[in-house]
Amino acid sequence: MATLTGITRSSVKIFSQPQLHPQPLLFFSKGFSAKVFVKGLSFSSTEKKIVEAFSEFGEVIEAKIVMDKARKRPKGYGFVTFAKKDAAEKACEGMNGKLLDGRAIYVRL
């Protein structure tokens, strides 16, 4: 092992790992946003239709339909992410059992 000349034990801190700063709080961190599970989606449902249906309860950040890779069609369930938890709770109460594209959907946190 090679030794470096001129480096003392006290100067080793110069080459050590930099101090990591704590991560800043993100808007989408736990407690600020909420994701709800939606089942019973029609195969003709699109993410755009889901956003339109759920946006009456609050700001929708994302709607995601889970796809069957083999058949290349929706599996019949998905997730909707709201900006605020209270909007997600209102959506669970308001949309549970409602019709979307001709099928009753079931929503839970």
PDB file of N, CA and C in Angstrom:
ATOM      1  N   MET A   1       0.843  -1.168   0.000  1.00  0.00           N
ATOM      2  CA  MET A   1       0.000   0.000   0.000  1.00  0.00           C
ATOM      3  C   MET A   1       0.891   1.235   0.000  1.00  0.00           C
ATOM      4  N   ALA A   2       0.585   2.142  -0.873  1.00  0.00           N
ATOM      5  CA  ALA A   2       1.391   3.354  -0.990  1.00  0.00           C
ATOM      6  C   ALA A   2       1.009   4.340   0.102  1.00  0.00           C
ATOM      7  N   THR A   3       1.978   5.052   0.560  1.00  0.00           N
ATOM      8  CA  THR A   3       1.709   6.069   1.568  1.00  0.00           C
ATOM      9  C   THR A   3       1.882   7.433   0.940  1.00  0.00           C
ATOM     10  N   LEU A   4       1.119   8.351   1.406  1.00  0.00           N
ATOM     11  CA  LEU A   4       1.209   9.714   0.910  1.00  0.00           C
ATOM     12  C   LEU A   4       2.078  10.512   1.852  1.00  0.00           C
ATOM     13  N   THR A   5       2.982  11.267   1.278  1.00  0.00           N
ATOM     14  CA  THR A   5       3.855  12.093   2.108  1.00  0.00           C
ATOM     15  C   THR A   5       3.221  13.448   2.319  1.00  0.00           C
ATOM     16  N   GLY A   6       3.451  13.989   3.468  1.00  0.00           N
ATOM     17  CA  GLY A   6       2.964  15.330   3.747  1.00  0.00           C
ATOM     18  C   GLY A   6       1.541  15.363   4.278  1.00  0.00           C
ATOM     19  N   ILE A   7       0.899  14.235   4.413  1.00  0.00           N
ATOM     20  CA  ILE A   7      -0.468  14.218   4.936  1.00  0.00           C
ATOM     21  C   ILE A   7      -0.408  13.740   6.374  1.00  0.00           C
ATOM     22  N   THR A   8      -0.930  14.549   7.227  1.00  0.00           N
ATOM     23  CA  THR A   8      -0.953  14.173   8.636  1.00  0.00           C
ATOM     24  C   THR A   8      -2.321  13.614   8.989  1.00  0.00           C
ATOM     25  N   ARG A   9      -2.389  13.062  10.141  1.00  0.00           N
ATOM     26  CA  ARG A   9      -3.628  12.458  10.599  1.00  0.00           C
ATOM     27  C   ARG A   9      -4.767  13.499  10.677  1.00  0.00           C
ATOM     28  N   SER A  10      -4.452  14.723  11.025  1.00  0.00           N
ATOM     29  CA  SER A  10      -5.485  15.756  11.148  1.00  0.00           C
ATOM     30  C   SER A  10      -5.992  16.227   9.789  1.00  0.00           C
ATOM     31  N   SER A  11      -5.213  16.063   8.718  1.00  0.00           N
ATOM     32  CA  SER A  11      -5.648  16.528   7.399  1.00  0.00           C
ATOM     33  C   SER A  11      -6.444  15.470   6.642  1.00  0.00           C
ATOM     34  N   VAL A  12      -6.629  14.303   7.217  1.00  0.00           N
ATOM     35  CA  VAL A  12      -7.389  13.251   6.553  1.00  0.00           C
ATOM     36  C   VAL A  12      -8.851  13.651   6.401  1.00  0.00           C
ATOM     37  N   LYS A  13      -9.340  14.493   7.263  1.00  0.00           N
ATOM     38  CA  LYS A  13     -10.730  14.921   7.178  1.00  0.00           C
ATOM     39  C   LYS A  13     -11.034  15.651   5.881  1.00  0.00           C
ATOM     40  N   ILE A  14     -10.043  16.189   5.243  1.00  0.00           N
ATOM     41  CA  ILE A  14     -10.231  16.886   3.975  1.00  0.00           C
ATOM     42  C   ILE A  14     -10.742  15.913   2.922  1.00  0.00           C
ATOM     43  N   PHE A  15     -10.296  14.674   2.976  1.00  0.00           N
ATOM     44  CA  PHE A  15     -10.642  13.687   1.969  1.00  0.00           C
ATOM     45  C   PHE A  15     -11.816  12.791   2.383  1.00  0.00           C
ATOM     46  N   SER A  16     -12.395  13.053   3.524  1.00  0.00           N
ATOM     47  CA  SER A  16     -13.489  12.203   3.984  1.00  0.00           C
ATOM     48  C   SER A  16     -14.775  12.534   3.231  1.00  0.00           C
ATOM     49  N   GLN A  17     -15.786  11.740   3.446  1.00  0.00           N
ATOM     50  CA  GLN A  17     -17.085  11.925   2.801  1.00  0.00           C
ATOM     51  C   GLN A  17     -17.659  13.290   3.168  1.00  0.00           C
ATOM     52  N   PRO A  18     -18.288  13.968   2.223  1.00  0.00           N
ATOM     53  CA  PRO A  18     -18.912  15.258   2.550  1.00  0.00           C
ATOM     54  C   PRO A  18     -20.109  15.040   3.471  1.00  0.00           C
ATOM     55  N   GLN A  19     -20.385  16.045   4.270  1.00  0.00           N
ATOM     56  CA  GLN A  19     -21.522  15.965   5.174  1.00  0.00           C
ATOM     57  C   GLN A  19     -22.810  15.978   4.360  1.00  0.00           C
ATOM     58  N   LEU A  20     -23.685  15.051   4.624  1.00  0.00           N
ATOM     59  CA  LEU A  20     -24.961  14.992   3.923  1.00  0.00           C
ATOM     60  C   LEU A  20     -25.973  15.857   4.659  1.00  0.00           C
ATOM     61  N   HIS A  21     -26.664  16.654   3.906  1.00  0.00           N
ATOM     62  CA  HIS A  21     -27.701  17.498   4.481  1.00  0.00           C
ATOM     63  C   HIS A  21     -28.995  16.717   4.511  1.00  0.00           C
ATOM     64  N   PRO A  22     -29.821  16.940   5.504  1.00  0.00           N
ATOM     65  CA  PRO A  22     -31.101  16.228   5.530  1.00  0.00           C
ATOM     66  C   PRO A  22     -31.922  16.553   4.294  1.00  0.00           C
ATOM     67  N   GLN A  23     -32.673  15.564   3.821  1.00  0.00           N
ATOM     68  CA  GLN A  23     -33.495  15.746   2.632  1.00  0.00           C
ATOM     69  C   GLN A  23     -34.563  16.797   2.902  1.00  0.00           C
ATOM     70  N   PRO A  24     -34.794  17.691   1.946  1.00  0.00           N
ATOM     71  CA  PRO A  24     -35.870  18.665   2.133  1.00  0.00           C
ATOM     72  C   PRO A  24     -37.221  17.974   2.056  1.00  0.00           C
ATOM     73  N   LEU A  25     -38.196  18.537   2.743  1.00  0.00           N
ATOM     74  CA  LEU A  25     -39.530  17.971   2.694  1.00  0.00           C
ATOM     75  C   LEU A  25     -40.119  18.223   1.319  1.00  0.00           C
ATOM     76  N   LEU A  26     -40.623  17.194   0.705  1.00  0.00           N
ATOM     77  CA  LEU A  26     -41.237  17.317  -0.602  1.00  0.00           C
ATOM     78  C   LEU A  26     -42.742  17.452  -0.446  1.00  0.00           C
ATOM     79  N   PHE A  27     -43.364  18.075  -1.404  1.00  0.00           N
ATOM     80  CA  PHE A  27     -44.812  18.252  -1.381  1.00  0.00           C
ATOM     81  C   PHE A  27     -45.525  16.906  -1.408  1.00  0.00           C
ATOM     82  N   PHE A  28     -44.923  15.912  -2.069  1.00  0.00           N
ATOM     83  CA  PHE A  28     -45.571  14.625  -2.235  1.00  0.00           C
ATOM     84  C   PHE A  28     -45.152  13.619  -1.179  1.00  0.00           C
ATOM     85  N   SER A  29     -44.569  14.073  -0.089  1.00  0.00           N
ATOM     86  CA  SER A  29     -44.156  13.148   0.951  1.00  0.00           C
ATOM     87  C   SER A  29     -45.367  12.671   1.735  1.00  0.00           C
ATOM     88  N   LYS A  30     -45.182  11.637   2.518  1.00  0.00           N
ATOM     89  CA  LYS A  30     -46.273  11.040   3.276  1.00  0.00           C
ATOM     90  C   LYS A  30     -46.909  12.088   4.179  1.00  0.00           C
ATOM     91  N   GLY A  31     -48.217  12.108   4.203  1.00  0.00           N
ATOM     92  CA  GLY A  31     -48.936  13.075   5.009  1.00  0.00           C
ATOM     93  C   GLY A  31     -49.498  14.214   4.184  1.00  0.00           C
ATOM     94  N   PHE A  32     -48.886  14.528   3.077  1.00  0.00           N
ATOM     95  CA  PHE A  32     -49.379  15.599   2.223  1.00  0.00           C
ATOM     96  C   PHE A  32     -50.226  15.046   1.083  1.00  0.00           C
ATOM     97  N   SER A  33     -49.809  13.953   0.489  1.00  0.00           N
ATOM     98  CA  SER A  33     -50.568  13.359  -0.597  1.00  0.00           C
ATOM     99  C   SER A  33     -51.132  12.027  -0.140  1.00  0.00           C
ATOM    100  N   ALA A  34     -52.127  11.546  -0.854  1.00  0.00           N
ATOM    101  CA  ALA A  34     -52.742  10.274  -0.503  1.00  0.00           C
ATOM    102  C   ALA A  34     -53.102   9.538  -1.782  1.00  0.00           C
ATOM    103  N   LYS A  35     -52.877   8.243  -1.773  1.00  0.00           N
ATOM    104  CA  LYS A  35     -53.166   7.395  -2.922  1.00  0.00           C
ATOM    105  C   LYS A  35     -54.334   6.495  -2.568  1.00  0.00           C
ATOM    106  N   VAL A  36     -55.319   6.435  -3.459  1.00  0.00           N
ATOM    107  CA  VAL A  36     -56.461   5.559  -3.251  1.00  0.00           C
ATOM    108  C   VAL A  36     -56.438   4.430  -4.274  1.00  0.00           C
ATOM    109  N   PHE A  37     -56.961   3.295  -3.860  1.00  0.00           N
ATOM    110  CA  PHE A  37     -57.055   2.106  -4.704  1.00  0.00           C
ATOM    111  C   PHE A  37     -58.450   2.080  -5.314  1.00  0.00           C
ATOM    112  N   VAL A  38     -58.530   1.866  -6.620  1.00  0.00           N
ATOM    113  CA  VAL A  38     -59.802   1.828  -7.329  1.00  0.00           C
ATOM    114  C   VAL A  38     -59.910   0.483  -8.040  1.00  0.00           C
ATOM    115  N   LYS A  39     -60.969  -0.287  -7.725  1.00  0.00           N
ATOM    116  CA  LYS A  39     -61.164  -1.566  -8.417  1.00  0.00           C
ATOM    117  C   LYS A  39     -62.519  -1.571  -9.097  1.00  0.00           C
ATOM    118  N   GLY A  40     -62.645  -2.444 -10.071  1.00  0.00           N
ATOM    119  CA  GLY A  40     -63.876  -2.539 -10.837  1.00  0.00           C
ATOM    120  C   GLY A  40     -63.875  -1.663 -12.073  1.00  0.00           C
ATOM    121  N   LEU A  41     -62.708  -1.234 -12.511  1.00  0.00           N
ATOM    122  CA  LEU A  41     -62.621  -0.379 -13.695  1.00  0.00           C
ATOM    123  C   LEU A  41     -62.950  -1.173 -14.955  1.00  0.00           C
ATOM    124  N   SER A  42     -63.593  -0.509 -15.882  1.00  0.00           N
ATOM    125  CA  SER A  42     -63.900  -1.102 -17.171  1.00  0.00           C
ATOM    126  C   SER A  42     -62.625  -1.204 -18.004  1.00  0.00           C
ATOM    127  N   PHE A  43     -62.604  -2.141 -18.939  1.00  0.00           N
ATOM    128  CA  PHE A  43     -61.441  -2.264 -19.824  1.00  0.00           C
ATOM    129  C   PHE A  43     -61.328  -1.066 -20.756  1.00  0.00           C
ATOM    130  N   SER A  44     -62.422  -0.325 -20.918  1.00  0.00           N
ATOM    131  CA  SER A  44     -62.376   0.865 -21.776  1.00  0.00           C
ATOM    132  C   SER A  44     -62.035   2.133 -20.995  1.00  0.00           C
ATOM    133  N   SER A  45     -61.841   2.025 -19.684  1.00  0.00           N
ATOM    134  CA  SER A  45     -61.481   3.198 -18.872  1.00  0.00           C
ATOM    135  C   SER A  45     -60.085   3.694 -19.246  1.00  0.00           C
ATOM    136  N   THR A  46     -59.938   5.003 -19.226  1.00  0.00           N
ATOM    137  CA  THR A  46     -58.626   5.603 -19.477  1.00  0.00           C
ATOM    138  C   THR A  46     -58.241   6.439 -18.256  1.00  0.00           C
ATOM    139  N   GLU A  47     -56.968   6.746 -18.169  1.00  0.00           N
ATOM    140  CA  GLU A  47     -56.483   7.563 -17.064  1.00  0.00           C
ATOM    141  C   GLU A  47     -57.109   8.955 -17.105  1.00  0.00           C
ATOM    142  N   LYS A  48     -57.350   9.466 -18.300  1.00  0.00           N
ATOM    143  CA  LYS A  48     -57.968  10.780 -18.444  1.00  0.00           C
ATOM    144  C   LYS A  48     -59.391  10.777 -17.886  1.00  0.00           C
ATOM    145  N   LYS A  49     -60.163   9.722 -18.161  1.00  0.00           N
ATOM    146  CA  LYS A  49     -61.528   9.620 -17.644  1.00  0.00           C
ATOM    147  C   LYS A  49     -61.529   9.523 -16.121  1.00  0.00           C
ATOM    148  N   ILE A  50     -60.570   8.812 -15.584  1.00  0.00           N
ATOM    149  CA  ILE A  50     -60.480   8.655 -14.131  1.00  0.00           C
ATOM    150  C   ILE A  50     -60.143   9.994 -13.480  1.00  0.00           C
ATOM    151  N   VAL A  51     -59.208  10.736 -14.062  1.00  0.00           N
ATOM    152  CA  VAL A  51     -58.852  12.053 -13.531  1.00  0.00           C
ATOM    153  C   VAL A  51     -60.066  12.972 -13.553  1.00  0.00           C
ATOM    154  N   GLU A  52     -60.816  12.965 -14.649  1.00  0.00           N
ATOM    155  CA  GLU A  52     -62.006  13.812 -14.749  1.00  0.00           C
ATOM    156  C   GLU A  52     -63.039  13.445 -13.685  1.00  0.00           C
ATOM    157  N   ALA A  53     -63.234  12.153 -13.444  1.00  0.00           N
ATOM    158  CA  ALA A  53     -64.235  11.712 -12.470  1.00  0.00           C
ATOM    159  C   ALA A  53     -63.831  12.054 -11.038  1.00  0.00           C
ATOM    160  N   PHE A  54     -62.553  11.928 -10.717  1.00  0.00           N
ATOM    161  CA  PHE A  54     -62.097  12.129  -9.345  1.00  0.00           C
ATOM    162  C   PHE A  54     -61.707  13.573  -9.035  1.00  0.00           C
ATOM    163  N   SER A  55     -61.539  14.406 -10.046  1.00  0.00           N
ATOM    164  CA  SER A  55     -61.073  15.777  -9.810  1.00  0.00           C
ATOM    165  C   SER A  55     -62.117  16.648  -9.118  1.00  0.00           C
ATOM    166  N   GLU A  56     -63.361  16.222  -9.076  1.00  0.00           N
ATOM    167  CA  GLU A  56     -64.375  17.018  -8.376  1.00  0.00           C
ATOM    168  C   GLU A  56     -64.165  16.995  -6.862  1.00  0.00           C
ATOM    169  N   PHE A  57     -63.347  16.075  -6.349  1.00  0.00           N
ATOM    170  CA  PHE A  57     -63.110  15.968  -4.917  1.00  0.00           C
ATOM    171  C   PHE A  57     -61.829  16.667  -4.474  1.00  0.00           C
ATOM    172  N   GLY A  58     -60.995  17.044  -5.411  1.00  0.00           N
ATOM    173  CA  GLY A  58     -59.752  17.735  -5.093  1.00  0.00           C
ATOM    174  C   GLY A  58     -58.747  17.566  -6.219  1.00  0.00           C
ATOM    175  N   GLU A  59     -57.562  18.126  -6.008  1.00  0.00           N
ATOM    176  CA  GLU A  59     -56.514  18.083  -7.038  1.00  0.00           C
ATOM    177  C   GLU A  59     -55.957  16.682  -7.187  1.00  0.00           C
ATOM    178  N   VAL A  60     -56.056  16.141  -8.396  1.00  0.00           N
ATOM    179  CA  VAL A  60     -55.523  14.819  -8.709  1.00  0.00           C
ATOM    180  C   VAL A  60     -54.132  14.992  -9.283  1.00  0.00           C
ATOM    181  N   ILE A  61     -53.160  14.350  -8.666  1.00  0.00           N
ATOM    182  CA  ILE A  61     -51.782  14.425  -9.135  1.00  0.00           C
ATOM    183  C   ILE A  61     -51.537  13.413 -10.241  1.00  0.00           C
ATOM    184  N   GLU A  62     -52.057  12.201 -10.037  1.00  0.00           N
ATOM    185  CA  GLU A  62     -51.792  11.126 -10.999  1.00  0.00           C
ATOM    186  C   GLU A  62     -52.902  10.095 -10.933  1.00  0.00           C
ATOM    187  N   ALA A  63     -53.211   9.511 -12.066  1.00  0.00           N
ATOM    188  CA  ALA A  63     -54.103   8.355 -12.148  1.00  0.00           C
ATOM    189  C   ALA A  63     -53.350   7.282 -12.917  1.00  0.00           C
ATOM    190  N   LYS A  64     -53.306   6.089 -12.363  1.00  0.00           N
ATOM    191  CA  LYS A  64     -52.543   5.003 -12.972  1.00  0.00           C
ATOM    192  C   LYS A  64     -53.422   3.765 -13.060  1.00  0.00           C
ATOM    193  N   ILE A  65     -53.593   3.230 -14.268  1.00  0.00           N
ATOM    194  CA  ILE A  65     -54.316   1.983 -14.484  1.00  0.00           C
ATOM    195  C   ILE A  65     -53.282   0.876 -14.629  1.00  0.00           C
ATOM    196  N   VAL A  66     -53.466  -0.209 -13.888  1.00  0.00           N
ATOM    197  CA  VAL A  66     -52.541  -1.334 -13.956  1.00  0.00           C
ATOM    198  C   VAL A  66     -52.891  -2.156 -15.196  1.00  0.00           C
ATOM    199  N   MET A  67     -51.873  -2.419 -16.020  1.00  0.00           N
ATOM    200  CA  MET A  67     -52.073  -3.115 -17.292  1.00  0.00           C
ATOM    201  C   MET A  67     -51.610  -4.560 -17.216  1.00  0.00           C
ATOM    202  N   ASP A  68     -52.306  -5.432 -17.947  1.00  0.00           N
ATOM    203  CA  ASP A  68     -51.898  -6.821 -18.124  1.00  0.00           C
ATOM    204  C   ASP A  68     -50.932  -6.849 -19.302  1.00  0.00           C
ATOM    205  N   LYS A  69     -49.683  -7.200 -19.030  1.00  0.00           N
ATOM    206  CA  LYS A  69     -48.660  -7.146 -20.082  1.00  0.00           C
ATOM    207  C   LYS A  69     -48.889  -8.185 -21.174  1.00  0.00           C
ATOM    208  N   ALA A  70     -49.394  -9.346 -20.810  1.00  0.00           N
ATOM    209  CA  ALA A  70     -49.609 -10.403 -21.796  1.00  0.00           C
ATOM    210  C   ALA A  70     -50.756 -10.055 -22.744  1.00  0.00           C
ATOM    211  N   ARG A  71     -51.857  -9.573 -22.199  1.00  0.00           N
ATOM    212  CA  ARG A  71     -53.037  -9.263 -23.010  1.00  0.00           C
ATOM    213  C   ARG A  71     -53.063  -7.825 -23.505  1.00  0.00           C
ATOM    214  N   LYS A  72     -52.198  -6.998 -22.949  1.00  0.00           N
ATOM    215  CA  LYS A  72     -52.098  -5.584 -23.330  1.00  0.00           C
ATOM    216  C   LYS A  72     -53.428  -4.850 -23.169  1.00  0.00           C
ATOM    217  N   ARG A  73     -54.058  -5.077 -22.014  1.00  0.00           N
ATOM    218  CA  ARG A  73     -55.289  -4.377 -21.672  1.00  0.00           C
ATOM    219  C   ARG A  73     -55.308  -4.152 -20.162  1.00  0.00           C
ATOM    220  N   PRO A  74     -56.170  -3.269 -19.677  1.00  0.00           N
ATOM    221  CA  PRO A  74     -56.218  -3.021 -18.232  1.00  0.00           C
ATOM    222  C   PRO A  74     -56.645  -4.261 -17.445  1.00  0.00           C
ATOM    223  N   LYS A  75     -56.125  -4.374 -16.221  1.00  0.00           N
ATOM    224  CA  LYS A  75     -56.501  -5.489 -15.349  1.00  0.00           C
ATOM    225  C   LYS A  75     -57.803  -5.224 -14.608  1.00  0.00           C
ATOM    226  N   GLY A  76     -58.267  -3.991 -14.608  1.00  0.00           N
ATOM    227  CA  GLY A  76     -59.521  -3.669 -13.954  1.00  0.00           C
ATOM    228  C   GLY A  76     -59.367  -2.926 -12.642  1.00  0.00           C
ATOM    229  N   TYR A  77     -58.146  -2.530 -12.317  1.00  0.00           N
ATOM    230  CA  TYR A  77     -57.936  -1.732 -11.105  1.00  0.00           C
ATOM    231  C   TYR A  77     -56.813  -0.736 -11.343  1.00  0.00           C
ATOM    232  N   GLY A  78     -56.725   0.232 -10.439  1.00  0.00           N
ATOM    233  CA  GLY A  78     -55.696   1.253 -10.575  1.00  0.00           C
ATOM    234  C   GLY A  78     -55.583   2.079  -9.314  1.00  0.00           C
ATOM    235  N   PHE A  79     -54.846   3.176  -9.421  1.00  0.00           N
ATOM    236  CA  PHE A  79     -54.574   4.044  -8.283  1.00  0.00           C
ATOM    237  C   PHE A  79     -54.749   5.498  -8.701  1.00  0.00           C
ATOM    238  N   VAL A  80     -55.269   6.300  -7.771  1.00  0.00           N
ATOM    239  CA  VAL A  80     -55.409   7.740  -7.992  1.00  0.00           C
ATOM    240  C   VAL A  80     -54.704   8.434  -6.834  1.00  0.00           C
ATOM    241  N   THR A  81     -53.798   9.353  -7.159  1.00  0.00           N
ATOM    242  CA  THR A  81     -53.052  10.093  -6.142  1.00  0.00           C
ATOM    243  C   THR A  81     -53.596  11.512  -6.056  1.00  0.00           C
ATOM    244  N   PHE A  82     -53.978  11.901  -4.840  1.00  0.00           N
ATOM    245  CA  PHE A  82     -54.494  13.238  -4.571  1.00  0.00           C
ATOM    246  C   PHE A  82     -53.421  14.076  -3.888  1.00  0.00           C
ATOM    247  N   ALA A  83     -53.512  15.385  -4.050  1.00  0.00           N
ATOM    248  CA  ALA A  83     -52.560  16.300  -3.426  1.00  0.00           C
ATOM    249  C   ALA A  83     -52.764  16.369  -1.918  1.00  0.00           C
ATOM    250  N   LYS A  84     -53.999  16.179  -1.461  1.00  0.00           N
ATOM    251  CA  LYS A  84     -54.296  16.263  -0.032  1.00  0.00           C
ATOM    252  C   LYS A  84     -55.070  15.037   0.426  1.00  0.00           C
ATOM    253  N   LYS A  85     -54.807  14.642   1.659  1.00  0.00           N
ATOM    254  CA  LYS A  85     -55.430  13.442   2.199  1.00  0.00           C
ATOM    255  C   LYS A  85     -56.936  13.609   2.365  1.00  0.00           C
ATOM    256  N   ASP A  86     -57.394  14.791   2.742  1.00  0.00           N
ATOM    257  CA  ASP A  86     -58.832  14.976   2.926  1.00  0.00           C
ATOM    258  C   ASP A  86     -59.590  14.854   1.608  1.00  0.00           C
ATOM    259  N   ALA A  87     -58.971  15.234   0.503  1.00  0.00           N
ATOM    260  CA  ALA A  87     -59.594  15.056  -0.815  1.00  0.00           C
ATOM    261  C   ALA A  87     -59.725  13.574  -1.145  1.00  0.00           C
ATOM    262  N   ALA A  88     -58.730  12.784  -0.767  1.00  0.00           N
ATOM    263  CA  ALA A  88     -58.786  11.349  -1.002  1.00  0.00           C
ATOM    264  C   ALA A  88     -59.894  10.701  -0.168  1.00  0.00           C
ATOM    265  N   GLU A  89     -60.049  11.160   1.057  1.00  0.00           N
ATOM    266  CA  GLU A  89     -61.110  10.621   1.909  1.00  0.00           C
ATOM    267  C   GLU A  89     -62.493  10.973   1.350  1.00  0.00           C
ATOM    268  N   LYS A  90     -62.650  12.200   0.849  1.00  0.00           N
ATOM    269  CA  LYS A  90     -63.920  12.601   0.239  1.00  0.00           C
ATOM    270  C   LYS A  90     -64.204  11.764  -1.009  1.00  0.00           C
ATOM    271  N   ALA A  91     -63.163  11.479  -1.788  1.00  0.00           N
ATOM    272  CA  ALA A  91     -63.333  10.674  -2.996  1.00  0.00           C
ATOM    273  C   ALA A  91     -63.744   9.242  -2.646  1.00  0.00           C
ATOM    274  N   CYS A  92     -63.197   8.707  -1.575  1.00  0.00           N
ATOM    275  CA  CYS A  92     -63.581   7.352  -1.145  1.00  0.00           C
ATOM    276  C   CYS A  92     -65.058   7.301  -0.793  1.00  0.00           C
ATOM    277  N   GLU A  93     -65.528   8.313  -0.088  1.00  0.00           N
ATOM    278  CA  GLU A  93     -66.943   8.363   0.286  1.00  0.00           C
ATOM    279  C   GLU A  93     -67.835   8.641  -0.924  1.00  0.00           C
ATOM    280  N   GLY A  94     -67.404   9.544  -1.781  1.00  0.00           N
ATOM    281  CA  GLY A  94     -68.240   9.974  -2.895  1.00  0.00           C
ATOM    282  C   GLY A  94     -68.266   9.045  -4.090  1.00  0.00           C
ATOM    283  N   MET A  95     -67.167   8.361  -4.363  1.00  0.00           N
ATOM    284  CA  MET A  95     -67.081   7.541  -5.577  1.00  0.00           C
ATOM    285  C   MET A  95     -67.303   6.054  -5.332  1.00  0.00           C
ATOM    286  N   ASN A  96     -67.296   5.622  -4.090  1.00  0.00           N
ATOM    287  CA  ASN A  96     -67.451   4.197  -3.799  1.00  0.00           C
ATOM    288  C   ASN A  96     -68.848   3.731  -4.223  1.00  0.00           C
ATOM    289  N   GLY A  97     -68.890   2.769  -5.140  1.00  0.00           N
ATOM    290  CA  GLY A  97     -70.148   2.222  -5.632  1.00  0.00           C
ATOM    291  C   GLY A  97     -70.742   2.974  -6.806  1.00  0.00           C
ATOM    292  N   LYS A  98     -70.125   4.071  -7.238  1.00  0.00           N
ATOM    293  CA  LYS A  98     -70.630   4.852  -8.369  1.00  0.00           C
ATOM    294  C   LYS A  98     -70.277   4.165  -9.688  1.00  0.00           C
ATOM    295  N   LEU A  99     -70.999   4.536 -10.735  1.00  0.00           N
ATOM    296  CA  LEU A  99     -70.730   3.996 -12.062  1.00  0.00           C
ATOM    297  C   LEU A  99     -69.693   4.838 -12.782  1.00  0.00           C
ATOM    298  N   LEU A 100     -68.741   4.155 -13.399  1.00  0.00           N
ATOM    299  CA  LEU A 100     -67.734   4.796 -14.243  1.00  0.00           C
ATOM    300  C   LEU A 100     -67.569   3.907 -15.468  1.00  0.00           C
ATOM    301  N   ASP A 101     -67.899   4.425 -16.625  1.00  0.00           N
ATOM    302  CA  ASP A 101     -67.874   3.663 -17.878  1.00  0.00           C
ATOM    303  C   ASP A 101     -68.758   2.420 -17.805  1.00  0.00           C
ATOM    304  N   GLY A 102     -69.904   2.556 -17.145  1.00  0.00           N
ATOM    305  CA  GLY A 102     -70.868   1.472 -17.112  1.00  0.00           C
ATOM    306  C   GLY A 102     -70.633   0.402 -16.062  1.00  0.00           C
ATOM    307  N   ARG A 103     -69.625   0.574 -15.214  1.00  0.00           N
ATOM    308  CA  ARG A 103     -69.339  -0.410 -14.162  1.00  0.00           C
ATOM    309  C   ARG A 103     -69.241   0.283 -12.819  1.00  0.00           C
ATOM    310  N   ALA A 104     -69.685  -0.421 -11.791  1.00  0.00           N
ATOM    311  CA  ALA A 104     -69.570   0.114 -10.431  1.00  0.00           C
ATOM    312  C   ALA A 104     -68.125  -0.017  -9.977  1.00  0.00           C
ATOM    313  N   ILE A 105     -67.572   1.072  -9.436  1.00  0.00           N
ATOM    314  CA  ILE A 105     -66.199   1.039  -8.957  1.00  0.00           C
ATOM    315  C   ILE A 105     -66.195   1.071  -7.434  1.00  0.00           C
ATOM    316  N   TYR A 106     -65.154   0.555  -6.855  1.00  0.00           N
ATOM    317  CA  TYR A 106     -64.982   0.519  -5.403  1.00  0.00           C
ATOM    318  C   TYR A 106     -63.659   1.185  -5.064  1.00  0.00           C
ATOM    319  N   VAL A 107     -63.726   2.126  -4.130  1.00  0.00           N
ATOM    320  CA  VAL A 107     -62.577   2.969  -3.817  1.00  0.00           C
ATOM    321  C   VAL A 107     -62.247   2.837  -2.341  1.00  0.00           C
ATOM    322  N   ARG A 108     -60.949   2.715  -2.022  1.00  0.00           N
ATOM    323  CA  ARG A 108     -60.512   2.712  -0.621  1.00  0.00           C
ATOM    324  C   ARG A 108     -59.114   3.281  -0.515  1.00  0.00           C
ATOM    325  N   LEU A 109     -58.804   3.787   0.671  1.00  0.00           N
ATOM    326  CA  LEU A 109     -57.465   4.337   0.935  1.00  0.00           C
ATOM    327  C   LEU A 109     -56.447   3.242   1.066  1.00  0.00           C
TER     328      LEU A 109
END
